[in-house]
Amino acid sequence: MAKQNKVSVLHLGCGNEKRLGAIGIDINPQSAADVIHDLNLFPYPFPANKFDTIIAEHVLEHLDNLIKVMEEIYRVAKPGAQLFITSSHFSSVDSFTDITHKHFLTSHSFDYLIPGTLLYKLNYSSVKFIKRNIWLGPKNVSNFILKIILKVVNSFTNFYEARFAFIFPVGVIYYDLEVDK
């Protein structure tokens, strides 16, 4: 019988909502984390090339240095690992209401780390990711009109962010990235 490899998942800043089967890491000792660690301190307490999947839900916008965080994610991720990021979109009132937010993210925020984009040419870091998908707004919407609006927003993301983001704020942004090493 062939040995089956178990997928290893890291849930950054898991709080009390740690994903089933994931290794959770959080600064809060009252959280459901398996590892208590400040994500602003490097290196993270994991070996290189350990995780197949990394989840960062509503945590990156709270951290000090996103380039360093992304470099550390890159280090602990296996080649081809998936990175799922969820954050408040810059148009969301929640982005500015939460005084612990340090970063306001757009559909191009991680382009500094994605070869082939204009921002990557600025050479902020040597780590590389592949942008698999970006989605603005809530997922699994049942309202038909909102579903159509979100489809248009996500079909014309640049135009939306430049012209309509504060007229019709989407609230949340999802990134699906792949580690390119």
C-alpha atoms as a PDB file:
ATOM      1  CA  MET A   1       0.000   0.000   0.000  1.00  0.00           C
ATOM      2  CA  ALA A   2       1.382   3.413  -0.998  1.00  0.00           C
ATOM      3  CA  LYS A   3       2.136   5.890   1.736  1.00  0.00           C
ATOM      4  CA  GLN A   4      -0.202   8.870   1.539  1.00  0.00           C
ATOM      5  CA  ASN A   5       1.288  12.288   2.281  1.00  0.00           C
ATOM      6  CA  LYS A   6      -0.738  14.384   4.679  1.00  0.00           C
ATOM      7  CA  VAL A   7      -1.298  18.004   3.620  1.00  0.00           C
ATOM      8  CA  SER A   8       0.144  20.368   6.203  1.00  0.00           C
ATOM      9  CA  VAL A   9      -1.762  23.592   6.826  1.00  0.00           C
ATOM     10  CA  LEU A  10      -0.629  26.688   8.739  1.00  0.00           C
ATOM     11  CA  HIS A  11      -3.275  29.117   9.987  1.00  0.00           C
ATOM     12  CA  LEU A  12      -1.645  32.490  10.749  1.00  0.00           C
ATOM     13  CA  GLY A  13      -3.330  34.582  13.432  1.00  0.00           C
ATOM     14  CA  CYS A  14      -5.958  31.883  13.923  1.00  0.00           C
ATOM     15  CA  GLY A  15      -7.567  33.377  17.027  1.00  0.00           C
ATOM     16  CA  ASN A  16     -10.373  31.107  18.201  1.00  0.00           C
ATOM     17  CA  GLU A  17     -11.378  30.171  14.629  1.00  0.00           C
ATOM     18  CA  LYS A  18      -8.533  27.775  13.854  1.00  0.00           C
ATOM     19  CA  ARG A  19      -9.207  25.649  10.779  1.00  0.00           C
ATOM     20  CA  LEU A  20      -9.719  21.964  11.450  1.00  0.00           C
ATOM     21  CA  GLY A  21      -6.480  20.049  10.938  1.00  0.00           C
ATOM     22  CA  ALA A  22      -4.356  23.193  10.713  1.00  0.00           C
ATOM     23  CA  ILE A  23      -1.473  24.244  12.926  1.00  0.00           C
ATOM     24  CA  GLY A  24      -2.588  27.544  14.397  1.00  0.00           C
ATOM     25  CA  ILE A  25      -0.206  30.332  15.351  1.00  0.00           C
ATOM     26  CA  ASP A  26      -1.301  33.454  17.233  1.00  0.00           C
ATOM     27  CA  ILE A  27       0.103  35.985  19.686  1.00  0.00           C
ATOM     28  CA  ASN A  28      -2.873  35.586  22.040  1.00  0.00           C
ATOM     29  CA  PRO A  29      -2.427  32.847  24.675  1.00  0.00           C
ATOM     30  CA  GLN A  30      -6.240  32.731  25.021  1.00  0.00           C
ATOM     31  CA  SER A  31      -6.618  31.724  21.353  1.00  0.00           C
ATOM     32  CA  ALA A  32      -7.014  28.229  19.911  1.00  0.00           C
ATOM     33  CA  ALA A  33      -3.432  28.398  18.602  1.00  0.00           C
ATOM     34  CA  ASP A  34      -1.083  25.453  18.829  1.00  0.00           C
ATOM     35  CA  VAL A  35       1.878  27.839  18.790  1.00  0.00           C
ATOM     36  CA  ILE A  36       1.926  31.163  20.641  1.00  0.00           C
ATOM     37  CA  HIS A  37       4.153  33.560  18.718  1.00  0.00           C
ATOM     38  CA  ASP A  38       4.211  37.222  17.662  1.00  0.00           C
ATOM     39  CA  LEU A  39       3.977  37.231  13.847  1.00  0.00           C
ATOM     40  CA  ASN A  40       6.039  40.437  13.820  1.00  0.00           C
ATOM     41  CA  LEU A  41       9.046  38.457  15.118  1.00  0.00           C
ATOM     42  CA  PHE A  42      11.177  36.490  12.666  1.00  0.00           C
ATOM     43  CA  PRO A  43      11.835  33.701  12.024  1.00  0.00           C
ATOM     44  CA  TYR A  44       8.584  31.900  12.751  1.00  0.00           C
ATOM     45  CA  PRO A  45       9.126  28.719  14.802  1.00  0.00           C
ATOM     46  CA  PHE A  46       8.808  26.352  11.826  1.00  0.00           C
ATOM     47  CA  PRO A  47      11.358  24.781   9.494  1.00  0.00           C
ATOM     48  CA  ALA A  48      11.653  25.841   5.863  1.00  0.00           C
ATOM     49  CA  ASN A  49       9.461  24.138   3.255  1.00  0.00           C
ATOM     50  CA  LYS A  50       7.018  22.680   5.794  1.00  0.00           C
ATOM     51  CA  PHE A  51       3.515  23.759   4.718  1.00  0.00           C
ATOM     52  CA  ASP A  52       1.387  22.901   1.679  1.00  0.00           C
ATOM     53  CA  THR A  53      -1.247  25.511   2.530  1.00  0.00           C
ATOM     54  CA  ILE A  54      -1.102  28.748   4.505  1.00  0.00           C
ATOM     55  CA  ILE A  55      -4.199  30.648   5.602  1.00  0.00           C
ATOM     56  CA  ALA A  56      -4.102  34.288   6.745  1.00  0.00           C
ATOM     57  CA  GLU A  57      -7.593  35.552   7.557  1.00  0.00           C
ATOM     58  CA  HIS A  58      -7.867  39.146   8.748  1.00  0.00           C
ATOM     59  CA  VAL A  59      -4.346  39.182  10.177  1.00  0.00           C
ATOM     60  CA  LEU A  60      -1.854  40.615   7.652  1.00  0.00           C
ATOM     61  CA  GLU A  61      -3.334  44.104   7.816  1.00  0.00           C
ATOM     62  CA  HIS A  62      -2.401  44.176  11.539  1.00  0.00           C
ATOM     63  CA  LEU A  63       1.284  43.298  11.106  1.00  0.00           C
ATOM     64  CA  ASP A  64       4.191  45.730  10.908  1.00  0.00           C
ATOM     65  CA  ASN A  65       6.118  44.752   7.787  1.00  0.00           C
ATOM     66  CA  LEU A  66       4.212  42.884   5.073  1.00  0.00           C
ATOM     67  CA  ILE A  67       7.302  42.311   2.937  1.00  0.00           C
ATOM     68  CA  LYS A  68       9.068  40.536   5.828  1.00  0.00           C
ATOM     69  CA  VAL A  69       5.893  38.577   6.641  1.00  0.00           C
ATOM     70  CA  MET A  70       5.546  37.452   3.025  1.00  0.00           C
ATOM     71  CA  GLU A  71       9.226  36.452   2.982  1.00  0.00           C
ATOM     72  CA  GLU A  72       8.650  34.354   6.100  1.00  0.00           C
ATOM     73  CA  ILE A  73       5.520  32.783   4.602  1.00  0.00           C
ATOM     74  CA  TYR A  74       7.609  31.983   1.537  1.00  0.00           C
ATOM     75  CA  ARG A  75      10.319  30.400   3.701  1.00  0.00           C
ATOM     76  CA  VAL A  76       7.981  28.044   5.607  1.00  0.00           C
ATOM     77  CA  ALA A  77       5.919  27.151   2.518  1.00  0.00           C
ATOM     78  CA  LYS A  78       6.705  24.199   0.287  1.00  0.00           C
ATOM     79  CA  PRO A  79       7.269  24.886  -3.415  1.00  0.00           C
ATOM     80  CA  GLY A  80       3.849  25.321  -5.029  1.00  0.00           C
ATOM     81  CA  ALA A  81       2.107  25.859  -1.677  1.00  0.00           C
ATOM     82  CA  GLN A  82      -1.172  27.748  -1.728  1.00  0.00           C
ATOM     83  CA  LEU A  83      -1.593  30.958   0.258  1.00  0.00           C
ATOM     84  CA  PHE A  84      -5.111  32.131   1.040  1.00  0.00           C
ATOM     85  CA  ILE A  85      -5.361  35.686   2.357  1.00  0.00           C
ATOM     86  CA  THR A  86      -8.545  37.418   3.490  1.00  0.00           C
ATOM     87  CA  SER A  87      -8.492  41.082   4.488  1.00  0.00           C
ATOM     88  CA  SER A  88     -10.625  44.167   4.623  1.00  0.00           C
ATOM     89  CA  HIS A  89     -10.509  45.883   1.243  1.00  0.00           C
ATOM     90  CA  PHE A  90      -9.189  49.457   1.390  1.00  0.00           C
ATOM     91  CA  SER A  91     -12.696  50.743   0.550  1.00  0.00           C
ATOM     92  CA  SER A  92     -14.191  49.174   3.668  1.00  0.00           C
ATOM     93  CA  VAL A  93     -15.062  51.425   6.566  1.00  0.00           C
ATOM     94  CA  ASP A  94     -13.736  48.571   8.739  1.00  0.00           C
ATOM     95  CA  SER A  95     -10.254  49.175   7.331  1.00  0.00           C
ATOM     96  CA  PHE A  96     -10.182  52.628   8.869  1.00  0.00           C
ATOM     97  CA  THR A  97     -12.380  51.987  11.908  1.00  0.00           C
ATOM     98  CA  ASP A  98     -10.047  49.353  13.350  1.00  0.00           C
ATOM     99  CA  ILE A  99      -7.207  51.332  14.909  1.00  0.00           C
ATOM    100  CA  THR A 100      -4.984  48.237  14.867  1.00  0.00           C
ATOM    101  CA  HIS A 101      -4.965  48.143  11.041  1.00  0.00           C
ATOM    102  CA  LYS A 102      -1.602  49.185   9.634  1.00  0.00           C
ATOM    103  CA  HIS A 103      -2.169  48.318   5.956  1.00  0.00           C
ATOM    104  CA  PHE A 104      -4.992  48.952   3.504  1.00  0.00           C
ATOM    105  CA  LEU A 105      -5.005  46.383   0.728  1.00  0.00           C
ATOM    106  CA  THR A 106      -5.990  46.504  -2.940  1.00  0.00           C
ATOM    107  CA  SER A 107      -6.034  43.940  -5.727  1.00  0.00           C
ATOM    108  CA  HIS A 108      -2.425  44.945  -6.497  1.00  0.00           C
ATOM    109  CA  SER A 109      -0.946  45.050  -2.984  1.00  0.00           C
ATOM    110  CA  PHE A 110       1.007  41.815  -3.443  1.00  0.00           C
ATOM    111  CA  ASP A 111       2.102  42.564  -7.028  1.00  0.00           C
ATOM    112  CA  TYR A 112       5.476  43.611  -5.580  1.00  0.00           C
ATOM    113  CA  LEU A 113       6.063  39.853  -5.173  1.00  0.00           C
ATOM    114  CA  ILE A 114       4.490  38.643  -8.425  1.00  0.00           C
ATOM    115  CA  PRO A 115       6.802  38.416 -11.460  1.00  0.00           C
ATOM    116  CA  GLY A 116       5.405  39.948 -14.620  1.00  0.00           C
ATOM    117  CA  THR A 117       3.597  42.794 -12.840  1.00  0.00           C
ATOM    118  CA  LEU A 118       4.682  46.424 -13.006  1.00  0.00           C
ATOM    119  CA  LEU A 119       5.268  46.617  -9.248  1.00  0.00           C
ATOM    120  CA  TYR A 120       7.498  43.530  -9.170  1.00  0.00           C
ATOM    121  CA  LYS A 121      10.090  45.477 -11.161  1.00  0.00           C
ATOM    122  CA  LEU A 122      10.705  47.634  -8.063  1.00  0.00           C
ATOM    123  CA  ASN A 123      12.574  44.671  -6.500  1.00  0.00           C
ATOM    124  CA  TYR A 124      11.204  44.925  -2.968  1.00  0.00           C
ATOM    125  CA  SER A 125      12.053  41.272  -2.336  1.00  0.00           C
ATOM    126  CA  SER A 126      13.442  38.186  -4.020  1.00  0.00           C
ATOM    127  CA  VAL A 127      10.474  35.974  -3.064  1.00  0.00           C
ATOM    128  CA  LYS A 128       7.971  35.123  -5.785  1.00  0.00           C
ATOM    129  CA  PHE A 129       4.294  34.266  -5.812  1.00  0.00           C
ATOM    130  CA  ILE A 130       1.829  33.504  -8.560  1.00  0.00           C
ATOM    131  CA  LYS A 131      -1.495  35.342  -8.450  1.00  0.00           C
ATOM    132  CA  ARG A 132      -4.083  32.609  -8.974  1.00  0.00           C
ATOM    133  CA  ASN A 133      -7.177  34.605  -8.130  1.00  0.00           C
ATOM    134  CA  ILE A 134      -8.327  37.817  -6.476  1.00  0.00           C
ATOM    135  CA  TRP A 135     -11.952  38.315  -5.443  1.00  0.00           C
ATOM    136  CA  LEU A 136     -13.410  41.572  -4.181  1.00  0.00           C
ATOM    137  CA  GLY A 137     -16.515  41.442  -2.020  1.00  0.00           C
ATOM    138  CA  PRO A 138     -18.308  38.733  -0.106  1.00  0.00           C
ATOM    139  CA  LYS A 139     -18.479  35.204  -1.490  1.00  0.00           C
ATOM    140  CA  ASN A 140     -21.617  33.066  -1.704  1.00  0.00           C
ATOM    141  CA  VAL A 141     -23.988  36.020  -2.032  1.00  0.00           C
ATOM    142  CA  SER A 142     -27.648  35.064  -2.405  1.00  0.00           C
ATOM    143  CA  ASN A 143     -28.938  38.491  -3.502  1.00  0.00           C
ATOM    144  CA  PHE A 144     -29.176  38.388  -7.313  1.00  0.00           C
ATOM    145  CA  ILE A 145     -28.495  42.122  -7.849  1.00  0.00           C
ATOM    146  CA  LEU A 146     -25.469  42.085  -5.538  1.00  0.00           C
ATOM    147  CA  LYS A 147     -24.195  38.963  -7.302  1.00  0.00           C
ATOM    148  CA  ILE A 148     -24.308  40.794 -10.666  1.00  0.00           C
ATOM    149  CA  ILE A 149     -22.647  43.918  -9.233  1.00  0.00           C
ATOM    150  CA  LEU A 150     -19.828  41.836  -7.742  1.00  0.00           C
ATOM    151  CA  LYS A 151     -19.347  40.024 -11.039  1.00  0.00           C
ATOM    152  CA  VAL A 152     -18.925  43.398 -12.783  1.00  0.00           C
ATOM    153  CA  VAL A 153     -16.615  44.685 -10.014  1.00  0.00           C
ATOM    154  CA  ASN A 154     -14.427  41.591 -10.349  1.00  0.00           C
ATOM    155  CA  SER A 155     -14.396  41.788 -14.143  1.00  0.00           C
ATOM    156  CA  PHE A 156     -13.142  45.396 -14.059  1.00  0.00           C
ATOM    157  CA  THR A 157     -11.148  45.473 -10.825  1.00  0.00           C
ATOM    158  CA  ASN A 158      -8.728  48.257 -11.799  1.00  0.00           C
ATOM    159  CA  PHE A 159     -11.518  50.542 -12.992  1.00  0.00           C
ATOM    160  CA  TYR A 160     -13.598  49.754  -9.897  1.00  0.00           C
ATOM    161  CA  GLU A 161     -10.739  50.477  -7.460  1.00  0.00           C
ATOM    162  CA  ALA A 162      -9.787  53.707  -9.243  1.00  0.00           C
ATOM    163  CA  ARG A 163     -13.292  55.131  -9.718  1.00  0.00           C
ATOM    164  CA  PHE A 164     -16.012  53.418  -7.657  1.00  0.00           C
ATOM    165  CA  ALA A 165     -14.455  51.815  -4.566  1.00  0.00           C
ATOM    166  CA  PHE A 166     -15.687  54.495  -2.175  1.00  0.00           C
ATOM    167  CA  ILE A 167     -19.096  54.798  -3.855  1.00  0.00           C
ATOM    168  CA  PHE A 168     -19.760  51.055  -3.617  1.00  0.00           C
ATOM    169  CA  PRO A 169     -17.344  49.562  -1.052  1.00  0.00           C
ATOM    170  CA  VAL A 170     -16.932  45.790  -1.331  1.00  0.00           C
ATOM    171  CA  GLY A 171     -15.795  45.310   2.265  1.00  0.00           C
ATOM    172  CA  VAL A 172     -13.469  42.345   1.846  1.00  0.00           C
ATOM    173  CA  ILE A 173     -10.788  41.055  -0.505  1.00  0.00           C
ATOM    174  CA  TYR A 174      -9.612  37.481  -1.013  1.00  0.00           C
ATOM    175  CA  TYR A 175      -6.251  36.514  -2.493  1.00  0.00           C
ATOM    176  CA  ASP A 176      -5.352  33.063  -3.757  1.00  0.00           C
ATOM    177  CA  LEU A 177      -1.586  32.999  -4.301  1.00  0.00           C
ATOM    178  CA  GLU A 178       0.868  30.210  -5.034  1.00  0.00           C
ATOM    179  CA  VAL A 179       4.435  30.048  -3.781  1.00  0.00           C
ATOM    180  CA  ASP A 180       6.803  30.146  -6.750  1.00  0.00           C
ATOM    181  CA  LYS A 181      10.059  28.416  -5.812  1.00  0.00           C
END
